[in-house]
Structures are given as structure tokens and as C-alpha cells.
Amino acid sequence: MSLSRASRAALLTAVTAAGGLVLSACGGGNDSASKGTSNFVTDTGGISTVEAGQRRDTGKLAGETLDGKQLDVADLKGKIVVMNVWGSWCPPCRAEAPHFVKVSNELKPKGVEFVGINTRDQNKGPAIAFEKDYGVEYPSLYDPAGKLIVNGFPKGTLAPQAIPSTVVLDREGKIAARSLMALNEEQLRKMIDPLIAEK
């Protein structure tokens, strides 16, 4: 099978973006989001937040889920949305999965929805097996090339920059918090609880 020049260019762009995510996951570097005039606040636990009046909308976060259904995150407006970028091949993703399952089940009655973004799994099989193994019942958008990650979070926002990454949207669908590391239950609740308390 031969790819056209345009297809190869698109594939190269997607692979470069996904590669950047992996490299940033491995690097310790500085969090540039906490500098300058970004209005982000990064606490010592590695969780960045944005004050309510400074939050920005996401781009379009919609597509096919691992189970073949269509999902548009914009349809969840009015709820707090926890978005977790993960891959079945990622050991930290496996480590945090039980915490996400537990917290998602406990907070659903409080208006909190979880949505995964599965990336860099070139076919759905390993990702579906991952969800079955860990009892993940919330949907995951299938994003093998990382296009949703690149296009769904505008430049200058708390975008996912590592695998795993977690981004939390407030009830208005605005980006409120982000973590660039695997999370345990306590850390995950630290991102969500302040938004539950917002009126």
C-alpha cells in the first residue's frame, strides 16, 4: 500500500506531535505554563489550575469511541468533565487506572463525567482489552495519531503534554485544571473537588 505525499505529510505531523507528548512525559523540565502572563497556577503537587474568570474553552473534542459510538465532549456541558489521555502500552496509565475507575464511579452522582482519550494504540484491540482488564466503564475517544490532543486544546491553554495527562473541564466546558503525571485517588480528587464546590 502506497501513501500519497499529502497522506505522508499528515502522518508525519501526527507522529511528531505524539512523539512530543512522549518526550515531555519522560522529561523533568520546567512547566512553562506557570511562567509569564499565562494566568496558570502550578502547585507543588504537579497540578496546574486556572481561576474561574481566566479559563478558556477547548477546541472540538469529538469523534469515535473505542466501542464505535460517537461522542462530543461539548454535549457534556453542565457537568464537570475529567479527560484522561492514556495508552494501553503505558505503565503509568495502568498504575492510575484503578484510581480513575473508583473516583469516576463515586463522583458520577455529583455530576462528574470521565472521558478517556486513547492515543498511540494503532488498533483498538489492546485498548479495549485494557478497559476490560481495569473495569473502565466510561467512554474513551479513539485518537491513535494524537489529532484530538493537538487540535482539541488551543495554544496557551492547559493542554495535555504527556502520557498520561489529565485535564478537568468546569461545568461551562472550560479548561480548569491539568496534571502531566499519573494520579492516585487523592491527587485526582484534589483536581475535581474544588470544581464540585463551585456554584
N, C-alpha and C. Protein backbone atom coordinates (compact mmCIF):
# COMPACT_ATOMS: atom_id res chain seq x y z
N MET A 1 0.85 -1.18 0.00
CA MET A 1 0.00 0.00 0.00
C MET A 1 0.88 1.23 0.00
N SER A 2 0.60 2.16 -0.89
CA SER A 2 1.41 3.37 -1.03
C SER A 2 0.62 4.56 -0.54
N LEU A 3 1.30 5.44 0.20
CA LEU A 3 0.65 6.64 0.70
C LEU A 3 0.95 7.82 -0.21
N SER A 4 -0.03 8.68 -0.43
CA SER A 4 0.21 9.89 -1.22
C SER A 4 1.11 10.82 -0.41
N ARG A 5 1.66 11.79 -1.10
CA ARG A 5 2.54 12.77 -0.44
C ARG A 5 1.79 13.50 0.67
N ALA A 6 0.52 13.87 0.43
CA ALA A 6 -0.28 14.58 1.45
C ALA A 6 -0.53 13.68 2.65
N SER A 7 -0.81 12.39 2.39
CA SER A 7 -1.03 11.45 3.49
C SER A 7 0.23 11.27 4.33
N ARG A 8 1.38 11.16 3.64
CA ARG A 8 2.64 11.02 4.37
C ARG A 8 2.92 12.25 5.22
N ALA A 9 2.63 13.45 4.67
CA ALA A 9 2.86 14.69 5.42
C ALA A 9 1.95 14.75 6.65
N ALA A 10 0.68 14.36 6.48
CA ALA A 10 -0.25 14.37 7.62
C ALA A 10 0.20 13.37 8.67
N LEU A 11 0.63 12.19 8.23
CA LEU A 11 1.09 11.17 9.16
C LEU A 11 2.33 11.63 9.91
N LEU A 12 3.26 12.26 9.20
CA LEU A 12 4.48 12.77 9.84
C LEU A 12 4.15 13.82 10.89
N THR A 13 3.20 14.72 10.59
CA THR A 13 2.79 15.74 11.55
C THR A 13 2.21 15.10 12.80
N ALA A 14 1.33 14.11 12.62
CA ALA A 14 0.71 13.44 13.77
C ALA A 14 1.74 12.68 14.59
N VAL A 15 2.67 11.99 13.92
CA VAL A 15 3.69 11.24 14.64
C VAL A 15 4.60 12.18 15.42
N THR A 16 4.94 13.32 14.82
CA THR A 16 5.77 14.31 15.51
C THR A 16 5.07 14.84 16.76
N ALA A 17 3.78 15.14 16.64
CA ALA A 17 3.02 15.63 17.80
C ALA A 17 2.95 14.58 18.89
N ALA A 18 2.67 13.33 18.51
CA ALA A 18 2.60 12.26 19.51
C ALA A 18 3.96 12.02 20.13
N GLY A 19 5.02 12.10 19.33
CA GLY A 19 6.38 11.94 19.86
C GLY A 19 6.71 13.01 20.87
N GLY A 20 6.24 14.22 20.60
CA GLY A 20 6.47 15.31 21.57
C GLY A 20 5.80 15.02 22.90
N LEU A 21 4.61 14.41 22.84
CA LEU A 21 3.93 14.03 24.08
C LEU A 21 4.75 13.04 24.88
N VAL A 22 5.30 12.04 24.19
CA VAL A 22 6.08 11.02 24.89
C VAL A 22 7.35 11.62 25.47
N LEU A 23 8.04 12.45 24.70
CA LEU A 23 9.27 13.06 25.20
C LEU A 23 9.00 13.93 26.42
N SER A 24 7.91 14.68 26.38
CA SER A 24 7.63 15.54 27.53
C SER A 24 7.23 14.71 28.74
N ALA A 25 6.67 13.52 28.52
CA ALA A 25 6.32 12.66 29.65
C ALA A 25 7.58 12.16 30.34
N CYS A 26 8.64 11.97 29.58
CA CYS A 26 9.88 11.44 30.13
C CYS A 26 10.76 12.54 30.71
N GLY A 27 10.59 13.78 30.26
CA GLY A 27 11.45 14.86 30.71
C GLY A 27 10.97 15.48 32.00
N GLY A 28 11.89 15.97 32.79
CA GLY A 28 11.53 16.60 34.05
C GLY A 28 11.27 18.07 33.90
N GLY A 29 11.94 18.73 32.99
CA GLY A 29 11.86 20.15 32.64
C GLY A 29 10.98 21.04 33.48
N ASN A 30 10.95 22.28 33.12
CA ASN A 30 10.13 23.28 33.81
C ASN A 30 8.75 23.31 33.20
N ASP A 31 7.78 23.68 33.98
CA ASP A 31 6.42 23.83 33.49
C ASP A 31 6.26 25.26 32.99
N SER A 32 6.35 25.42 31.68
CA SER A 32 6.30 26.76 31.12
C SER A 32 4.95 27.41 31.34
N ALA A 33 3.92 26.62 31.61
CA ALA A 33 2.59 27.18 31.84
C ALA A 33 2.54 28.02 33.10
N SER A 34 3.49 27.84 34.00
CA SER A 34 3.43 28.58 35.25
C SER A 34 4.23 29.88 35.19
N LYS A 35 4.71 30.24 33.99
CA LYS A 35 5.53 31.44 33.85
C LYS A 35 4.82 32.48 33.01
N GLY A 36 5.32 33.70 33.05
CA GLY A 36 4.83 34.76 32.19
C GLY A 36 3.42 35.18 32.54
N THR A 37 2.63 35.48 31.50
CA THR A 37 1.29 36.02 31.71
C THR A 37 0.21 34.99 31.40
N SER A 38 0.49 33.75 31.68
CA SER A 38 -0.44 32.68 31.33
C SER A 38 -1.65 32.59 32.25
N ASN A 39 -1.59 33.16 33.44
CA ASN A 39 -2.66 33.09 34.43
C ASN A 39 -2.85 31.69 35.00
N PHE A 40 -1.90 30.79 34.79
CA PHE A 40 -1.97 29.45 35.36
C PHE A 40 -1.25 29.49 36.70
N VAL A 41 -1.72 28.66 37.60
CA VAL A 41 -1.06 28.49 38.88
C VAL A 41 -0.69 27.02 38.99
N THR A 42 0.60 26.73 39.20
CA THR A 42 1.03 25.35 39.36
C THR A 42 1.40 25.12 40.81
N ASP A 43 0.74 24.15 41.44
CA ASP A 43 1.09 23.91 42.83
C ASP A 43 2.22 22.88 42.88
N THR A 44 2.74 22.65 44.04
CA THR A 44 3.90 21.78 44.19
C THR A 44 3.58 20.32 43.92
N GLY A 45 2.30 19.97 43.87
CA GLY A 45 1.92 18.59 43.59
C GLY A 45 1.84 18.29 42.10
N GLY A 46 2.22 19.23 41.25
CA GLY A 46 2.21 18.99 39.81
C GLY A 46 0.85 19.19 39.16
N ILE A 47 -0.06 19.86 39.84
CA ILE A 47 -1.38 20.13 39.28
C ILE A 47 -1.47 21.62 38.99
N SER A 48 -1.76 21.95 37.72
CA SER A 48 -1.93 23.34 37.31
C SER A 48 -3.41 23.67 37.28
N THR A 49 -3.75 24.88 37.71
CA THR A 49 -5.15 25.29 37.72
C THR A 49 -5.29 26.68 37.12
N VAL A 50 -6.52 27.03 36.74
CA VAL A 50 -6.83 28.35 36.20
C VAL A 50 -8.01 28.88 36.99
N GLU A 51 -7.93 30.12 37.43
CA GLU A 51 -9.05 30.76 38.14
C GLU A 51 -10.27 30.85 37.22
N ALA A 52 -11.45 30.81 37.80
CA ALA A 52 -12.69 30.74 37.03
C ALA A 52 -12.79 31.81 35.94
N GLY A 53 -12.45 33.03 36.23
CA GLY A 53 -12.58 34.11 35.25
C GLY A 53 -11.54 34.08 34.13
N GLN A 54 -10.53 33.27 34.26
CA GLN A 54 -9.44 33.21 33.28
C GLN A 54 -9.49 31.96 32.40
N ARG A 55 -10.42 31.09 32.62
CA ARG A 55 -10.47 29.80 31.90
C ARG A 55 -10.89 29.99 30.44
N ARG A 56 -10.39 29.08 29.60
CA ARG A 56 -10.69 29.12 28.17
C ARG A 56 -11.37 27.83 27.71
N ASP A 57 -12.10 27.95 26.62
CA ASP A 57 -12.78 26.81 26.03
C ASP A 57 -11.78 25.86 25.37
N THR A 58 -12.18 24.61 25.25
CA THR A 58 -11.40 23.66 24.46
C THR A 58 -11.71 23.89 22.98
N GLY A 59 -10.95 23.25 22.13
CA GLY A 59 -11.33 23.13 20.73
C GLY A 59 -12.34 22.00 20.62
N LYS A 60 -12.55 21.51 19.41
CA LYS A 60 -13.51 20.42 19.21
C LYS A 60 -12.91 19.12 19.71
N LEU A 61 -13.59 18.49 20.64
CA LEU A 61 -13.19 17.21 21.20
C LEU A 61 -14.33 16.23 20.93
N ALA A 62 -14.31 15.67 19.75
CA ALA A 62 -15.39 14.79 19.32
C ALA A 62 -14.84 13.74 18.37
N GLY A 63 -15.51 12.60 18.35
CA GLY A 63 -15.10 11.55 17.43
C GLY A 63 -15.65 10.22 17.86
N GLU A 64 -15.02 9.17 17.33
CA GLU A 64 -15.46 7.81 17.61
C GLU A 64 -14.81 7.29 18.88
N THR A 65 -15.60 6.60 19.69
CA THR A 65 -15.08 5.99 20.91
C THR A 65 -14.56 4.59 20.60
N LEU A 66 -13.89 4.00 21.56
CA LEU A 66 -13.36 2.65 21.38
C LEU A 66 -14.44 1.63 21.05
N ASP A 67 -15.67 1.89 21.55
CA ASP A 67 -16.77 0.95 21.27
C ASP A 67 -17.56 1.32 20.02
N GLY A 68 -17.01 2.26 19.22
CA GLY A 68 -17.61 2.58 17.93
C GLY A 68 -18.73 3.60 17.94
N LYS A 69 -19.03 4.18 19.08
CA LYS A 69 -20.07 5.20 19.17
C LYS A 69 -19.45 6.58 18.91
N GLN A 70 -20.30 7.57 18.68
CA GLN A 70 -19.84 8.95 18.51
C GLN A 70 -20.00 9.70 19.83
N LEU A 71 -19.01 10.52 20.15
CA LEU A 71 -19.05 11.29 21.39
C LEU A 71 -18.52 12.69 21.11
N ASP A 72 -19.26 13.70 21.57
CA ASP A 72 -18.83 15.09 21.52
C ASP A 72 -18.81 15.60 22.95
N VAL A 73 -17.63 15.96 23.43
CA VAL A 73 -17.48 16.42 24.82
C VAL A 73 -18.33 17.66 25.07
N ALA A 74 -18.60 18.46 24.05
CA ALA A 74 -19.44 19.66 24.20
C ALA A 74 -20.84 19.29 24.70
N ASP A 75 -21.30 18.08 24.39
CA ASP A 75 -22.62 17.63 24.85
C ASP A 75 -22.67 17.41 26.36
N LEU A 76 -21.52 17.39 27.02
CA LEU A 76 -21.45 17.18 28.47
C LEU A 76 -21.44 18.49 29.25
N LYS A 77 -21.61 19.62 28.55
CA LYS A 77 -21.64 20.91 29.23
C LYS A 77 -22.70 20.89 30.32
N GLY A 78 -22.38 21.48 31.46
CA GLY A 78 -23.25 21.42 32.63
C GLY A 78 -22.74 20.41 33.65
N LYS A 79 -21.80 19.57 33.21
CA LYS A 79 -21.16 18.60 34.10
C LYS A 79 -19.66 18.93 34.16
N ILE A 80 -19.02 18.47 35.21
CA ILE A 80 -17.56 18.54 35.29
C ILE A 80 -17.05 17.34 34.50
N VAL A 81 -16.08 17.58 33.61
CA VAL A 81 -15.57 16.51 32.75
C VAL A 81 -14.09 16.29 33.05
N VAL A 82 -13.75 15.07 33.39
CA VAL A 82 -12.36 14.68 33.64
C VAL A 82 -11.89 13.93 32.41
N MET A 83 -10.91 14.50 31.70
CA MET A 83 -10.39 13.89 30.48
C MET A 83 -9.00 13.33 30.75
N ASN A 84 -8.84 12.04 30.51
CA ASN A 84 -7.58 11.36 30.77
C ASN A 84 -6.98 10.83 29.47
N VAL A 85 -5.78 11.30 29.14
CA VAL A 85 -5.06 10.83 27.95
C VAL A 85 -4.25 9.60 28.36
N TRP A 86 -4.45 8.49 27.65
CA TRP A 86 -3.83 7.24 28.05
C TRP A 86 -3.56 6.35 26.84
N GLY A 87 -2.72 5.35 27.06
CA GLY A 87 -2.45 4.33 26.05
C GLY A 87 -2.32 2.99 26.75
N SER A 88 -2.71 1.93 26.08
CA SER A 88 -2.64 0.60 26.70
C SER A 88 -1.20 0.16 26.95
N TRP A 89 -0.26 0.74 26.22
CA TRP A 89 1.16 0.41 26.27
C TRP A 89 1.90 1.16 27.38
N CYS A 90 1.20 2.00 28.12
CA CYS A 90 1.80 2.97 29.05
C CYS A 90 1.72 2.46 30.49
N PRO A 91 2.86 2.07 31.12
CA PRO A 91 2.83 1.58 32.50
C PRO A 91 2.21 2.56 33.51
N PRO A 92 2.51 3.88 33.46
CA PRO A 92 1.85 4.79 34.41
C PRO A 92 0.34 4.84 34.21
N CYS A 93 -0.12 4.63 32.97
CA CYS A 93 -1.57 4.61 32.72
C CYS A 93 -2.22 3.41 33.42
N ARG A 94 -1.52 2.29 33.39
CA ARG A 94 -2.03 1.10 34.09
C ARG A 94 -2.05 1.33 35.60
N ALA A 95 -1.04 2.03 36.11
CA ALA A 95 -0.97 2.29 37.55
C ALA A 95 -2.11 3.18 38.03
N GLU A 96 -2.52 4.16 37.21
CA GLU A 96 -3.56 5.09 37.65
C GLU A 96 -4.97 4.60 37.34
N ALA A 97 -5.12 3.64 36.45
CA ALA A 97 -6.46 3.20 36.01
C ALA A 97 -7.39 2.81 37.16
N PRO A 98 -6.95 2.02 38.15
CA PRO A 98 -7.88 1.67 39.23
C PRO A 98 -8.39 2.89 40.01
N HIS A 99 -7.56 3.91 40.15
CA HIS A 99 -7.97 5.13 40.85
C HIS A 99 -9.04 5.88 40.04
N PHE A 100 -8.85 5.94 38.72
CA PHE A 100 -9.82 6.63 37.87
C PHE A 100 -11.16 5.90 37.89
N VAL A 101 -11.14 4.59 37.83
CA VAL A 101 -12.38 3.81 37.86
C VAL A 101 -13.12 4.06 39.18
N LYS A 102 -12.41 4.01 40.29
CA LYS A 102 -13.03 4.21 41.61
C LYS A 102 -13.65 5.60 41.73
N VAL A 103 -12.86 6.63 41.38
CA VAL A 103 -13.34 8.01 41.53
C VAL A 103 -14.49 8.30 40.55
N SER A 104 -14.40 7.77 39.32
CA SER A 104 -15.47 8.02 38.36
C SER A 104 -16.79 7.42 38.85
N ASN A 105 -16.74 6.23 39.42
CA ASN A 105 -17.96 5.60 39.94
C ASN A 105 -18.53 6.37 41.12
N GLU A 106 -17.66 6.86 41.99
CA GLU A 106 -18.12 7.57 43.19
C GLU A 106 -18.63 8.98 42.89
N LEU A 107 -18.08 9.64 41.88
CA LEU A 107 -18.45 11.04 41.64
C LEU A 107 -19.50 11.24 40.54
N LYS A 108 -19.85 10.20 39.83
CA LYS A 108 -20.86 10.33 38.78
C LYS A 108 -22.16 10.92 39.33
N PRO A 109 -22.65 10.48 40.52
CA PRO A 109 -23.87 11.07 41.06
C PRO A 109 -23.74 12.58 41.37
N LYS A 110 -22.52 13.08 41.47
CA LYS A 110 -22.30 14.51 41.75
C LYS A 110 -22.11 15.32 40.47
N GLY A 111 -22.42 14.73 39.32
CA GLY A 111 -22.33 15.47 38.06
C GLY A 111 -20.94 15.51 37.47
N VAL A 112 -20.14 14.47 37.73
CA VAL A 112 -18.79 14.40 37.18
C VAL A 112 -18.76 13.26 36.16
N GLU A 113 -18.35 13.59 34.94
CA GLU A 113 -18.23 12.59 33.87
C GLU A 113 -16.75 12.40 33.52
N PHE A 114 -16.36 11.19 33.29
CA PHE A 114 -15.00 10.87 32.86
C PHE A 114 -15.02 10.50 31.38
N VAL A 115 -14.01 10.96 30.66
CA VAL A 115 -13.83 10.63 29.25
C VAL A 115 -12.35 10.38 29.02
N GLY A 116 -12.03 9.24 28.47
CA GLY A 116 -10.65 8.96 28.11
C GLY A 116 -10.34 9.44 26.71
N ILE A 117 -9.07 9.69 26.45
CA ILE A 117 -8.59 9.88 25.08
C ILE A 117 -7.49 8.85 24.90
N ASN A 118 -7.80 7.78 24.18
CA ASN A 118 -6.82 6.72 23.94
C ASN A 118 -5.95 7.12 22.76
N THR A 119 -4.64 7.11 22.96
CA THR A 119 -3.73 7.55 21.91
C THR A 119 -2.59 6.56 21.70
N ARG A 120 -2.10 6.54 20.48
CA ARG A 120 -0.96 5.75 20.03
C ARG A 120 -1.19 4.25 20.09
N ASP A 121 -2.41 3.80 20.31
CA ASP A 121 -2.75 2.40 20.08
C ASP A 121 -3.20 2.32 18.63
N GLN A 122 -2.42 1.68 17.77
CA GLN A 122 -2.70 1.69 16.34
C GLN A 122 -3.90 0.85 15.94
N ASN A 123 -4.35 -0.03 16.81
CA ASN A 123 -5.65 -0.66 16.61
C ASN A 123 -6.33 -0.72 17.98
N LYS A 124 -7.64 -0.90 17.94
CA LYS A 124 -8.43 -0.78 19.17
C LYS A 124 -8.28 -1.97 20.12
N GLY A 125 -7.86 -3.11 19.61
CA GLY A 125 -7.83 -4.33 20.41
C GLY A 125 -7.14 -4.19 21.76
N PRO A 126 -5.88 -3.73 21.81
CA PRO A 126 -5.20 -3.61 23.10
C PRO A 126 -5.88 -2.60 24.04
N ALA A 127 -6.44 -1.53 23.47
CA ALA A 127 -7.12 -0.52 24.30
C ALA A 127 -8.41 -1.07 24.89
N ILE A 128 -9.16 -1.82 24.09
CA ILE A 128 -10.40 -2.43 24.58
C ILE A 128 -10.07 -3.45 25.68
N ALA A 129 -9.00 -4.22 25.47
CA ALA A 129 -8.58 -5.19 26.49
C ALA A 129 -8.17 -4.49 27.78
N PHE A 130 -7.48 -3.35 27.67
CA PHE A 130 -7.08 -2.54 28.82
C PHE A 130 -8.32 -2.15 29.62
N GLU A 131 -9.33 -1.60 28.93
CA GLU A 131 -10.55 -1.16 29.62
C GLU A 131 -11.25 -2.34 30.30
N LYS A 132 -11.28 -3.47 29.64
CA LYS A 132 -11.91 -4.66 30.24
C LYS A 132 -11.13 -5.11 31.48
N ASP A 133 -9.80 -5.16 31.37
CA ASP A 133 -8.96 -5.60 32.50
C ASP A 133 -9.14 -4.73 33.74
N TYR A 134 -9.31 -3.42 33.53
CA TYR A 134 -9.41 -2.49 34.67
C TYR A 134 -10.84 -2.09 35.01
N GLY A 135 -11.82 -2.61 34.29
CA GLY A 135 -13.22 -2.30 34.59
C GLY A 135 -13.59 -0.87 34.25
N VAL A 136 -12.97 -0.30 33.23
CA VAL A 136 -13.26 1.08 32.81
C VAL A 136 -14.60 1.07 32.07
N GLU A 137 -15.57 1.79 32.62
CA GLU A 137 -16.90 1.83 32.02
C GLU A 137 -17.19 3.14 31.31
N TYR A 138 -16.41 4.19 31.58
CA TYR A 138 -16.64 5.46 30.88
C TYR A 138 -16.03 5.39 29.48
N PRO A 139 -16.52 6.23 28.55
CA PRO A 139 -16.06 6.14 27.17
C PRO A 139 -14.66 6.73 26.99
N SER A 140 -13.99 6.23 25.96
CA SER A 140 -12.71 6.80 25.55
C SER A 140 -12.75 7.10 24.06
N LEU A 141 -12.45 8.34 23.71
CA LEU A 141 -12.29 8.70 22.31
C LEU A 141 -11.05 7.99 21.77
N TYR A 142 -11.14 7.49 20.57
CA TYR A 142 -10.01 6.78 19.95
C TYR A 142 -9.23 7.78 19.09
N ASP A 143 -8.00 8.05 19.49
CA ASP A 143 -7.17 9.10 18.87
C ASP A 143 -5.76 8.56 18.61
N PRO A 144 -5.62 7.57 17.72
CA PRO A 144 -4.32 6.91 17.57
C PRO A 144 -3.20 7.83 17.12
N ALA A 145 -3.50 8.84 16.34
CA ALA A 145 -2.47 9.74 15.83
C ALA A 145 -2.29 11.00 16.67
N GLY A 146 -3.10 11.19 17.71
CA GLY A 146 -2.96 12.36 18.57
C GLY A 146 -3.57 13.63 18.02
N LYS A 147 -4.44 13.54 17.02
CA LYS A 147 -5.03 14.74 16.42
C LYS A 147 -5.93 15.49 17.40
N LEU A 148 -6.74 14.74 18.16
CA LEU A 148 -7.62 15.41 19.14
C LEU A 148 -6.80 16.16 20.19
N ILE A 149 -5.71 15.54 20.60
CA ILE A 149 -4.86 16.15 21.63
C ILE A 149 -4.26 17.44 21.11
N VAL A 150 -3.81 17.43 19.87
CA VAL A 150 -3.18 18.62 19.28
C VAL A 150 -4.21 19.70 18.99
N ASN A 151 -5.35 19.31 18.39
CA ASN A 151 -6.33 20.29 17.94
C ASN A 151 -7.40 20.63 18.98
N GLY A 152 -7.58 19.79 19.98
CA GLY A 152 -8.66 20.00 20.94
C GLY A 152 -8.34 20.95 22.07
N PHE A 153 -7.07 21.30 22.19
CA PHE A 153 -6.65 22.18 23.28
C PHE A 153 -5.87 23.35 22.69
N PRO A 154 -6.49 24.54 22.62
CA PRO A 154 -5.86 25.69 21.97
C PRO A 154 -4.51 26.05 22.60
N LYS A 155 -3.66 26.62 21.79
CA LYS A 155 -2.35 27.09 22.24
C LYS A 155 -2.54 28.07 23.39
N GLY A 156 -1.72 27.94 24.41
CA GLY A 156 -1.79 28.83 25.56
C GLY A 156 -2.73 28.35 26.65
N THR A 157 -3.33 27.15 26.46
CA THR A 157 -4.20 26.60 27.50
C THR A 157 -3.46 25.46 28.21
N LEU A 158 -4.10 24.92 29.22
CA LEU A 158 -3.54 23.77 29.93
C LEU A 158 -3.79 22.52 29.10
N ALA A 159 -2.97 22.33 28.09
CA ALA A 159 -3.13 21.21 27.17
C ALA A 159 -2.39 19.98 27.69
N PRO A 160 -2.84 18.80 27.31
CA PRO A 160 -2.09 17.59 27.64
C PRO A 160 -0.73 17.65 26.94
N GLN A 161 0.33 17.35 27.68
CA GLN A 161 1.67 17.39 27.09
C GLN A 161 2.46 16.14 27.45
N ALA A 162 1.79 15.14 27.94
CA ALA A 162 2.45 13.91 28.35
C ALA A 162 1.41 12.79 28.32
N ILE A 163 1.89 11.58 28.38
CA ILE A 163 1.01 10.42 28.50
C ILE A 163 1.45 9.65 29.74
N PRO A 164 0.63 9.59 30.78
CA PRO A 164 -0.73 10.12 30.88
C PRO A 164 -0.75 11.62 31.20
N SER A 165 -1.84 12.24 30.83
CA SER A 165 -2.19 13.60 31.24
C SER A 165 -3.66 13.58 31.62
N THR A 166 -4.03 14.47 32.51
CA THR A 166 -5.44 14.60 32.89
C THR A 166 -5.80 16.07 32.86
N VAL A 167 -6.90 16.39 32.17
CA VAL A 167 -7.42 17.76 32.08
C VAL A 167 -8.85 17.73 32.60
N VAL A 168 -9.18 18.69 33.47
CA VAL A 168 -10.53 18.76 34.02
C VAL A 168 -11.21 20.02 33.50
N LEU A 169 -12.42 19.84 32.97
CA LEU A 169 -13.23 20.95 32.47
C LEU A 169 -14.30 21.29 33.49
N ASP A 170 -14.55 22.59 33.66
CA ASP A 170 -15.61 23.01 34.58
C ASP A 170 -16.97 22.81 33.94
N ARG A 171 -18.03 23.18 34.64
CA ARG A 171 -19.39 22.95 34.15
C ARG A 171 -19.71 23.72 32.88
N GLU A 172 -18.92 24.77 32.58
CA GLU A 172 -19.12 25.55 31.36
C GLU A 172 -18.29 25.00 30.21
N GLY A 173 -17.58 23.91 30.44
CA GLY A 173 -16.76 23.31 29.39
C GLY A 173 -15.41 23.99 29.22
N LYS A 174 -15.01 24.76 30.22
CA LYS A 174 -13.73 25.47 30.14
C LYS A 174 -12.64 24.70 30.89
N ILE A 175 -11.41 24.86 30.42
CA ILE A 175 -10.28 24.13 30.98
C ILE A 175 -9.91 24.73 32.33
N ALA A 176 -10.03 23.91 33.39
CA ALA A 176 -9.85 24.40 34.76
C ALA A 176 -8.60 23.87 35.44
N ALA A 177 -8.17 22.65 35.09
CA ALA A 177 -7.02 22.05 35.79
C ALA A 177 -6.36 21.02 34.88
N ARG A 178 -5.07 20.78 35.16
CA ARG A 178 -4.32 19.78 34.38
C ARG A 178 -3.22 19.17 35.23
N SER A 179 -2.98 17.89 35.00
CA SER A 179 -1.84 17.19 35.57
C SER A 179 -1.12 16.45 34.45
N LEU A 180 0.22 16.44 34.51
CA LEU A 180 1.03 15.78 33.49
C LEU A 180 1.71 14.55 34.06
N MET A 181 1.04 13.88 35.00
CA MET A 181 1.62 12.69 35.62
C MET A 181 0.51 11.71 35.96
N ALA A 182 0.90 10.49 36.26
CA ALA A 182 -0.08 9.51 36.74
C ALA A 182 -0.59 9.98 38.10
N LEU A 183 -1.89 9.78 38.32
CA LEU A 183 -2.52 10.27 39.54
C LEU A 183 -3.06 9.13 40.39
N ASN A 184 -3.00 9.33 41.71
CA ASN A 184 -3.69 8.41 42.61
C ASN A 184 -5.04 9.04 42.96
N GLU A 185 -5.82 8.37 43.77
CA GLU A 185 -7.17 8.85 44.10
C GLU A 185 -7.13 10.23 44.76
N GLU A 186 -6.22 10.43 45.70
CA GLU A 186 -6.15 11.70 46.42
C GLU A 186 -5.82 12.85 45.46
N GLN A 187 -4.87 12.65 44.59
CA GLN A 187 -4.48 13.70 43.64
C GLN A 187 -5.61 14.00 42.67
N LEU A 188 -6.29 12.97 42.21
CA LEU A 188 -7.40 13.15 41.28
C LEU A 188 -8.52 13.95 41.93
N ARG A 189 -8.85 13.60 43.17
CA ARG A 189 -9.90 14.35 43.87
C ARG A 189 -9.49 15.80 44.12
N LYS A 190 -8.20 16.03 44.30
CA LYS A 190 -7.70 17.39 44.51
C LYS A 190 -7.97 18.27 43.29
N MET A 191 -8.01 17.66 42.11
CA MET A 191 -8.32 18.41 40.89
C MET A 191 -9.81 18.64 40.73
N ILE A 192 -10.62 17.69 41.19
CA ILE A 192 -12.06 17.72 40.93
C ILE A 192 -12.85 18.43 42.03
N ASP A 193 -12.52 18.19 43.29
CA ASP A 193 -13.32 18.68 44.40
C ASP A 193 -13.55 20.21 44.38
N PRO A 194 -12.53 21.03 44.06
CA PRO A 194 -12.81 22.47 44.01
C PRO A 194 -13.86 22.85 42.96
N LEU A 195 -13.94 22.09 41.88
CA LEU A 195 -14.92 22.38 40.84
C LEU A 195 -16.31 21.93 41.26
N ILE A 196 -16.39 20.84 42.00
CA ILE A 196 -17.69 20.42 42.55
C ILE A 196 -18.23 21.50 43.48
N ALA A 197 -17.32 22.12 44.23
CA ALA A 197 -17.74 23.17 45.19
C ALA A 197 -18.16 24.47 44.51
N GLU A 198 -17.75 24.70 43.27
CA GLU A 198 -18.11 25.93 42.57
C GLU A 198 -19.61 25.94 42.27
N LYS A 199 -20.20 27.10 42.38
CA LYS A 199 -21.64 27.24 42.10
C LYS A 199 -21.84 28.02 40.82
